[in-house]
Amino acid sequence: MVSAVTVEHSLIITTGKWFCFWRFTV
């Protein structure tokens, strides 16, 4: 079972990666 903390951390990491990707692309 996945805890809420793990989901939150993975969500933050994914958002951070996409933000960096968007910054470098645009």
PDB file of N, CA and C in Angstrom:
ATOM      1  N   MET A   1       0.843  -1.194   0.000  1.00  0.00           N
ATOM      2  CA  MET A   1       0.000   0.000   0.000  1.00  0.00           C
ATOM      3  C   MET A   1       0.886   1.256   0.000  1.00  0.00           C
ATOM      4  N   VAL A   2       0.551   2.184  -0.855  1.00  0.00           N
ATOM      5  CA  VAL A   2       1.356   3.395  -0.980  1.00  0.00           C
ATOM      6  C   VAL A   2       0.844   4.461  -0.024  1.00  0.00           C
ATOM      7  N   SER A   3       1.772   5.077   0.700  1.00  0.00           N
ATOM      8  CA  SER A   3       1.377   6.115   1.655  1.00  0.00           C
ATOM      9  C   SER A   3       1.189   7.447   0.950  1.00  0.00           C
ATOM     10  N   ALA A   4       0.480   8.355   1.598  1.00  0.00           N
ATOM     11  CA  ALA A   4       0.205   9.666   1.003  1.00  0.00           C
ATOM     12  C   ALA A   4       1.499  10.463   0.834  1.00  0.00           C
ATOM     13  N   VAL A   5       2.439  10.245   1.744  1.00  0.00           N
ATOM     14  CA  VAL A   5       3.707  10.974   1.678  1.00  0.00           C
ATOM     15  C   VAL A   5       4.475  10.584   0.420  1.00  0.00           C
ATOM     16  N   THR A   6       4.476   9.278   0.108  1.00  0.00           N
ATOM     17  CA  THR A   6       5.185   8.800  -1.082  1.00  0.00           C
ATOM     18  C   THR A   6       4.561   9.368  -2.339  1.00  0.00           C
ATOM     19  N   VAL A   7       3.237   9.408  -2.375  1.00  0.00           N
ATOM     20  CA  VAL A   7       2.532   9.952  -3.533  1.00  0.00           C
ATOM     21  C   VAL A   7       2.840  11.429  -3.689  1.00  0.00           C
ATOM     22  N   GLU A   8       2.856  12.141  -2.572  1.00  0.00           N
ATOM     23  CA  GLU A   8       3.124  13.582  -2.601  1.00  0.00           C
ATOM     24  C   GLU A   8       4.549  13.853  -3.082  1.00  0.00           C
ATOM     25  N   HIS A   9       5.506  13.078  -2.570  1.00  0.00           N
ATOM     26  CA  HIS A   9       6.895  13.260  -2.976  1.00  0.00           C
ATOM     27  C   HIS A   9       7.077  12.960  -4.455  1.00  0.00           C
ATOM     28  N   SER A  10       6.479  11.874  -4.938  1.00  0.00           N
ATOM     29  CA  SER A  10       6.605  11.519  -6.351  1.00  0.00           C
ATOM     30  C   SER A  10       5.954  12.571  -7.226  1.00  0.00           C
ATOM     31  N   LEU A  11       4.848  13.151  -6.740  1.00  0.00           N
ATOM     32  CA  LEU A  11       4.149  14.188  -7.499  1.00  0.00           C
ATOM     33  C   LEU A  11       5.010  15.443  -7.602  1.00  0.00           C
ATOM     34  N   ILE A  12       5.659  15.801  -6.495  1.00  0.00           N
ATOM     35  CA  ILE A  12       6.534  16.980  -6.482  1.00  0.00           C
ATOM     36  C   ILE A  12       7.729  16.766  -7.413  1.00  0.00           C
ATOM     37  N   ILE A  13       8.307  15.562  -7.375  1.00  0.00           N
ATOM     38  CA  ILE A  13       9.464  15.257  -8.226  1.00  0.00           C
ATOM     39  C   ILE A  13       9.067  15.303  -9.691  1.00  0.00           C
ATOM     40  N   THR A  14       7.905  14.720 -10.023  1.00  0.00           N
ATOM     41  CA  THR A  14       7.444  14.717 -11.410  1.00  0.00           C
ATOM     42  C   THR A  14       7.172  16.133 -11.887  1.00  0.00           C
ATOM     43  N   THR A  15       6.535  16.935 -11.035  1.00  0.00           N
ATOM     44  CA  THR A  15       6.242  18.322 -11.403  1.00  0.00           C
ATOM     45  C   THR A  15       7.535  19.103 -11.603  1.00  0.00           C
ATOM     46  N   GLY A  16       8.510  18.878 -10.735  1.00  0.00           N
ATOM     47  CA  GLY A  16       9.792  19.564 -10.844  1.00  0.00           C
ATOM     48  C   GLY A  16      10.510  19.203 -12.134  1.00  0.00           C
ATOM     49  N   LYS A  17      10.467  17.900 -12.507  1.00  0.00           N
ATOM     50  CA  LYS A  17      11.118  17.457 -13.740  1.00  0.00           C
ATOM     51  C   LYS A  17      10.453  18.090 -14.948  1.00  0.00           C
ATOM     52  N   TRP A  18       9.118  18.103 -14.964  1.00  0.00           N
ATOM     53  CA  TRP A  18       8.400  18.693 -16.097  1.00  0.00           C
ATOM     54  C   TRP A  18       8.637  20.191 -16.169  1.00  0.00           C
ATOM     55  N   PHE A  19       8.745  20.860 -15.019  1.00  0.00           N
ATOM     56  CA  PHE A  19       8.991  22.297 -14.998  1.00  0.00           C
ATOM     57  C   PHE A  19      10.370  22.603 -15.577  1.00  0.00           C
ATOM     58  N   CYS A  20      11.382  21.821 -15.176  1.00  0.00           N
ATOM     59  CA  CYS A  20      12.734  22.017 -15.707  1.00  0.00           C
ATOM     60  C   CYS A  20      12.751  21.738 -17.199  1.00  0.00           C
ATOM     61  N   PHE A  21      12.050  20.684 -17.616  1.00  0.00           N
ATOM     62  CA  PHE A  21      11.983  20.335 -19.036  1.00  0.00           C
ATOM     63  C   PHE A  21      11.328  21.449 -19.830  1.00  0.00           C
ATOM     64  N   TRP A  22      10.270  22.026 -19.274  1.00  0.00           N
ATOM     65  CA  TRP A  22       9.560  23.124 -19.946  1.00  0.00           C
ATOM     66  C   TRP A  22      10.434  24.366 -20.031  1.00  0.00           C
ATOM     67  N   ARG A  23      11.186  24.632 -18.973  1.00  0.00           N
ATOM     68  CA  ARG A  23      12.056  25.808 -18.950  1.00  0.00           C
ATOM     69  C   ARG A  23      13.152  25.696 -20.012  1.00  0.00           C
ATOM     70  N   PHE A  24      13.749  24.529 -20.135  1.00  0.00           N
ATOM     71  CA  PHE A  24      14.828  24.342 -21.097  1.00  0.00           C
ATOM     72  C   PHE A  24      14.301  24.295 -22.523  1.00  0.00           C
ATOM     73  N   THR A  25      13.065  23.831 -22.697  1.00  0.00           N
ATOM     74  CA  THR A  25      12.484  23.744 -24.038  1.00  0.00           C
ATOM     75  C   THR A  25      12.035  25.115 -24.506  1.00  0.00           C
ATOM     76  N   VAL A  26      11.371  25.869 -23.631  1.00  0.00           N
ATOM     77  CA  VAL A  26      10.870  27.195 -23.986  1.00  0.00           C
ATOM     78  C   VAL A  26      11.933  28.242 -23.658  1.00  0.00           C
TER      79      VAL A  26
END
